Amino acid sequence: MMMVGAGAALAAAGTAYAQLAPKDAISVRVNGYRETGAAFKNINDQLKSGTPVKIMLRSSARTIANSARDQHKWFPAGSGPEAGMKTKAKPAIWTDAAGFTAAQARFQREADLMVKVVETGDAAQMQKQAKALGQACSSCHSKFRED
């Protein structure tokens, strides 16, 4: 979480993600996706609880939506396997940039819709949207992320 804040501070200061050293770019995205995963787990846990707390759902949905928007900047050229550092990012991210961008856009749409559905308070719709969001996640992982 601290690196995500550092990444945001760098961007706010005018330093583009593309200018980050590969190690820093990888750290920003790893921490960003960890935060996203924790938020997604919280949504699922809340929905399974039988008495979901709307503020918890709202906060987690917004975290995911923010990450979905930010993730487009997390993969600057040179921050893949060729950097010689541990990363689960597959080369297809850069060799199939259009496919990767489309997968990211799908995730962003589903994340934004999750934010809206949470506001309705309809648990059945939230369950349905959480599933759609999860599918958007996993479809991207299958092509663009190492296991």
C-alpha atoms as a PDB file:
ATOM      1  CA  MET A   1       0.000   0.000   0.000  1.00  0.00           C
ATOM      2  CA  MET A   2       2.863   2.345   0.744  1.00  0.00           C
ATOM      3  CA  MET A   3       4.293   1.936  -2.784  1.00  0.00           C
ATOM      4  CA  VAL A   4       0.911   2.730  -4.308  1.00  0.00           C
ATOM      5  CA  GLY A   5       0.931   5.973  -2.327  1.00  0.00           C
ATOM      6  CA  ALA A   6       4.490   6.601  -3.464  1.00  0.00           C
ATOM      7  CA  GLY A   7       3.469   5.918  -7.064  1.00  0.00           C
ATOM      8  CA  ALA A   8       0.560   8.333  -6.751  1.00  0.00           C
ATOM      9  CA  ALA A   9       2.826  10.953  -5.210  1.00  0.00           C
ATOM     10  CA  LEU A  10       5.306  10.575  -8.060  1.00  0.00           C
ATOM     11  CA  ALA A  11       2.540  10.931 -10.633  1.00  0.00           C
ATOM     12  CA  ALA A  12       1.095  13.927  -8.806  1.00  0.00           C
ATOM     13  CA  ALA A  13       4.524  15.537  -8.802  1.00  0.00           C
ATOM     14  CA  GLY A  14       4.582  15.259 -12.569  1.00  0.00           C
ATOM     15  CA  THR A  15       6.763  12.168 -12.855  1.00  0.00           C
ATOM     16  CA  ALA A  16       5.163   9.857 -15.400  1.00  0.00           C
ATOM     17  CA  TYR A  17       4.978   6.143 -14.696  1.00  0.00           C
ATOM     18  CA  ALA A  18       6.914   5.630 -17.908  1.00  0.00           C
ATOM     19  CA  GLN A  19       9.857   7.350 -16.234  1.00  0.00           C
ATOM     20  CA  LEU A  20       9.928   4.975 -13.268  1.00  0.00           C
ATOM     21  CA  ALA A  21      12.753   2.484 -13.071  1.00  0.00           C
ATOM     22  CA  PRO A  22      11.462  -1.006 -13.939  1.00  0.00           C
ATOM     23  CA  LYS A  23      11.858  -2.097 -10.297  1.00  0.00           C
ATOM     24  CA  ASP A  24       9.677   0.789  -9.109  1.00  0.00           C
ATOM     25  CA  ALA A  25       7.044   0.258 -11.813  1.00  0.00           C
ATOM     26  CA  ILE A  26       6.807  -3.418 -10.877  1.00  0.00           C
ATOM     27  CA  SER A  27       6.496  -2.536  -7.177  1.00  0.00           C
ATOM     28  CA  VAL A  28       3.753  -0.008  -7.863  1.00  0.00           C
ATOM     29  CA  ARG A  29       1.677  -2.486  -9.840  1.00  0.00           C
ATOM     30  CA  VAL A  30       2.266  -5.419  -7.468  1.00  0.00           C
ATOM     31  CA  ASN A  31       1.136  -3.329  -4.531  1.00  0.00           C
ATOM     32  CA  GLY A  32      -1.751  -1.879  -6.503  1.00  0.00           C
ATOM     33  CA  TYR A  33      -3.041  -5.326  -7.405  1.00  0.00           C
ATOM     34  CA  ARG A  34      -2.536  -6.556  -3.829  1.00  0.00           C
ATOM     35  CA  GLU A  35      -4.720  -3.703  -2.640  1.00  0.00           C
ATOM     36  CA  THR A  36      -7.253  -4.565  -5.341  1.00  0.00           C
ATOM     37  CA  GLY A  37      -7.251  -8.223  -4.289  1.00  0.00           C
ATOM     38  CA  ALA A  38      -7.797  -7.309  -0.645  1.00  0.00           C
ATOM     39  CA  ALA A  39     -10.708  -5.069  -1.629  1.00  0.00           C
ATOM     40  CA  PHE A  40     -12.210  -7.818  -3.770  1.00  0.00           C
ATOM     41  CA  LYS A  41     -11.877 -10.301  -0.888  1.00  0.00           C
ATOM     42  CA  ASN A  42     -13.631  -7.828   1.380  1.00  0.00           C
ATOM     43  CA  ILE A  43     -16.532  -7.507  -1.072  1.00  0.00           C
ATOM     44  CA  ASN A  44     -16.906 -11.277  -1.296  1.00  0.00           C
ATOM     45  CA  ASP A  45     -16.655 -11.681   2.479  1.00  0.00           C
ATOM     46  CA  GLN A  46     -19.256  -8.977   3.017  1.00  0.00           C
ATOM     47  CA  LEU A  47     -21.638 -10.527   0.514  1.00  0.00           C
ATOM     48  CA  LYS A  48     -21.217 -13.977   2.082  1.00  0.00           C
ATOM     49  CA  SER A  49     -21.843 -12.630   5.587  1.00  0.00           C
ATOM     50  CA  GLY A  50     -25.595 -12.336   5.167  1.00  0.00           C
ATOM     51  CA  THR A  51     -25.474  -8.818   6.599  1.00  0.00           C
ATOM     52  CA  PRO A  52     -23.155  -6.833   4.343  1.00  0.00           C
ATOM     53  CA  VAL A  53     -22.080  -3.439   5.611  1.00  0.00           C
ATOM     54  CA  LYS A  54     -22.628  -0.912   2.839  1.00  0.00           C
ATOM     55  CA  ILE A  55     -19.750   1.385   3.837  1.00  0.00           C
ATOM     56  CA  MET A  56     -17.341  -1.574   3.617  1.00  0.00           C
ATOM     57  CA  LEU A  57     -18.700  -2.529   0.211  1.00  0.00           C
ATOM     58  CA  ARG A  58     -18.585   1.073  -0.985  1.00  0.00           C
ATOM     59  CA  SER A  59     -14.984   1.562   0.130  1.00  0.00           C
ATOM     60  CA  SER A  60     -13.819  -1.681  -1.457  1.00  0.00           C
ATOM     61  CA  ALA A  61     -15.694  -1.078  -4.702  1.00  0.00           C
ATOM     62  CA  ARG A  62     -14.153   2.382  -4.992  1.00  0.00           C
ATOM     63  CA  THR A  63     -10.683   0.983  -4.310  1.00  0.00           C
ATOM     64  CA  ILE A  64     -11.133  -1.498  -7.149  1.00  0.00           C
ATOM     65  CA  ALA A  65     -12.522   1.150  -9.506  1.00  0.00           C
ATOM     66  CA  ASN A  66      -9.592   3.468  -8.740  1.00  0.00           C
ATOM     67  CA  SER A  67      -7.120   0.654  -9.373  1.00  0.00           C
ATOM     68  CA  ALA A  68      -8.914  -0.217 -12.602  1.00  0.00           C
ATOM     69  CA  ARG A  69      -8.371   3.352 -13.787  1.00  0.00           C
ATOM     70  CA  ASP A  70      -4.776   3.519 -12.567  1.00  0.00           C
ATOM     71  CA  GLN A  71      -3.682   0.119 -13.911  1.00  0.00           C
ATOM     72  CA  HIS A  72      -3.391   1.511 -17.435  1.00  0.00           C
ATOM     73  CA  LYS A  73      -0.251   3.317 -16.238  1.00  0.00           C
ATOM     74  CA  TRP A  74       1.281   0.388 -14.348  1.00  0.00           C
ATOM     75  CA  PHE A  75       2.916  -1.332 -17.319  1.00  0.00           C
ATOM     76  CA  PRO A  76       5.454   1.040 -18.867  1.00  0.00           C
ATOM     77  CA  ALA A  77       7.755  -0.362 -21.537  1.00  0.00           C
ATOM     78  CA  GLY A  78      10.714  -2.148 -20.007  1.00  0.00           C
ATOM     79  CA  SER A  79       8.874  -3.297 -16.867  1.00  0.00           C
ATOM     80  CA  GLY A  80       8.183  -6.816 -18.099  1.00  0.00           C
ATOM     81  CA  PRO A  81      10.225 -10.017 -17.888  1.00  0.00           C
ATOM     82  CA  GLU A  82      13.006  -8.391 -19.922  1.00  0.00           C
ATOM     83  CA  ALA A  83      13.773  -6.218 -16.876  1.00  0.00           C
ATOM     84  CA  GLY A  84      15.325  -9.295 -15.264  1.00  0.00           C
ATOM     85  CA  MET A  85      13.198  -8.872 -12.166  1.00  0.00           C
ATOM     86  CA  LYS A  86      10.517 -11.042 -10.642  1.00  0.00           C
ATOM     87  CA  THR A  87       7.212 -10.212 -12.313  1.00  0.00           C
ATOM     88  CA  LYS A  88       4.145 -12.205 -13.257  1.00  0.00           C
ATOM     89  CA  ALA A  89       3.491  -9.927 -16.214  1.00  0.00           C
ATOM     90  CA  LYS A  90       3.589 -11.906 -19.455  1.00  0.00           C
ATOM     91  CA  PRO A  91       5.219 -10.467 -22.571  1.00  0.00           C
ATOM     92  CA  ALA A  92       1.765 -10.532 -24.224  1.00  0.00           C
ATOM     93  CA  ILE A  93       0.999  -7.317 -22.310  1.00  0.00           C
ATOM     94  CA  TRP A  94       3.328  -5.502 -24.673  1.00  0.00           C
ATOM     95  CA  THR A  95       3.102  -7.726 -27.763  1.00  0.00           C
ATOM     96  CA  ASP A  96      -0.723  -7.673 -27.713  1.00  0.00           C
ATOM     97  CA  ALA A  97      -1.192  -4.170 -26.388  1.00  0.00           C
ATOM     98  CA  ALA A  98      -4.633  -3.833 -28.000  1.00  0.00           C
ATOM     99  CA  GLY A  99      -5.849  -7.047 -26.357  1.00  0.00           C
ATOM    100  CA  PHE A 100      -4.428  -5.998 -23.018  1.00  0.00           C
ATOM    101  CA  THR A 101      -6.008  -2.561 -23.262  1.00  0.00           C
ATOM    102  CA  ALA A 102      -9.364  -4.167 -24.100  1.00  0.00           C
ATOM    103  CA  ALA A 103      -9.094  -6.513 -21.092  1.00  0.00           C
ATOM    104  CA  GLN A 104      -8.228  -3.574 -18.842  1.00  0.00           C
ATOM    105  CA  ALA A 105     -11.157  -1.580 -20.223  1.00  0.00           C
ATOM    106  CA  ARG A 106     -13.521  -4.472 -19.485  1.00  0.00           C
ATOM    107  CA  PHE A 107     -12.223  -4.662 -15.923  1.00  0.00           C
ATOM    108  CA  GLN A 108     -12.663  -0.910 -15.531  1.00  0.00           C
ATOM    109  CA  ARG A 109     -16.264  -1.047 -16.831  1.00  0.00           C
ATOM    110  CA  GLU A 110     -17.136  -3.889 -14.454  1.00  0.00           C
ATOM    111  CA  ALA A 111     -15.448  -2.103 -11.537  1.00  0.00           C
ATOM    112  CA  ASP A 112     -17.327   1.135 -12.229  1.00  0.00           C
ATOM    113  CA  LEU A 113     -20.569  -0.820 -12.456  1.00  0.00           C
ATOM    114  CA  MET A 114     -19.776  -2.481  -9.102  1.00  0.00           C
ATOM    115  CA  VAL A 115     -19.587   0.964  -7.506  1.00  0.00           C
ATOM    116  CA  LYS A 116     -23.027   1.801  -8.898  1.00  0.00           C
ATOM    117  CA  VAL A 117     -24.580  -1.524  -7.909  1.00  0.00           C
ATOM    118  CA  VAL A 118     -23.301  -1.221  -4.326  1.00  0.00           C
ATOM    119  CA  GLU A 119     -25.196   2.051  -4.009  1.00  0.00           C
ATOM    120  CA  THR A 120     -28.480   0.267  -4.806  1.00  0.00           C
ATOM    121  CA  GLY A 121     -28.117  -1.947  -1.745  1.00  0.00           C
ATOM    122  CA  ASP A 122     -29.503  -4.897  -3.746  1.00  0.00           C
ATOM    123  CA  ALA A 123     -27.537  -7.907  -2.472  1.00  0.00           C
ATOM    124  CA  ALA A 124     -28.562 -10.136  -5.391  1.00  0.00           C
ATOM    125  CA  GLN A 125     -27.369  -7.554  -7.914  1.00  0.00           C
ATOM    126  CA  MET A 126     -24.147  -7.054  -5.954  1.00  0.00           C
ATOM    127  CA  GLN A 127     -23.519 -10.828  -6.036  1.00  0.00           C
ATOM    128  CA  LYS A 128     -24.140 -10.869  -9.779  1.00  0.00           C
ATOM    129  CA  GLN A 129     -21.848  -7.895 -10.378  1.00  0.00           C
ATOM    130  CA  ALA A 130     -19.118  -9.276  -8.112  1.00  0.00           C
ATOM    131  CA  LYS A 131     -19.156 -12.417 -10.259  1.00  0.00           C
ATOM    132  CA  ALA A 132     -18.907 -10.363 -13.477  1.00  0.00           C
ATOM    133  CA  LEU A 133     -16.050  -8.362 -11.963  1.00  0.00           C
ATOM    134  CA  GLY A 134     -14.260 -11.558 -10.967  1.00  0.00           C
ATOM    135  CA  GLN A 135     -14.666 -12.929 -14.481  1.00  0.00           C
ATOM    136  CA  ALA A 136     -13.145  -9.767 -15.927  1.00  0.00           C
ATOM    137  CA  CYS A 137     -10.196 -10.232 -13.579  1.00  0.00           C
ATOM    138  CA  SER A 138      -9.629 -13.875 -14.373  1.00  0.00           C
ATOM    139  CA  SER A 139      -9.993 -13.468 -18.139  1.00  0.00           C
ATOM    140  CA  CYS A 140      -7.143 -10.963 -18.102  1.00  0.00           C
ATOM    141  CA  HIS A 141      -5.018 -13.147 -15.828  1.00  0.00           C
ATOM    142  CA  SER A 142      -5.319 -16.152 -18.113  1.00  0.00           C
ATOM    143  CA  LYS A 143      -3.660 -14.369 -21.037  1.00  0.00           C
ATOM    144  CA  PHE A 144      -1.533 -11.668 -19.449  1.00  0.00           C
ATOM    145  CA  ARG A 145      -0.376 -12.987 -16.043  1.00  0.00           C
ATOM    146  CA  GLU A 146       1.791 -15.919 -15.046  1.00  0.00           C
ATOM    147  CA  ASP A 147       0.299 -18.266 -12.453  1.00  0.00           C
END
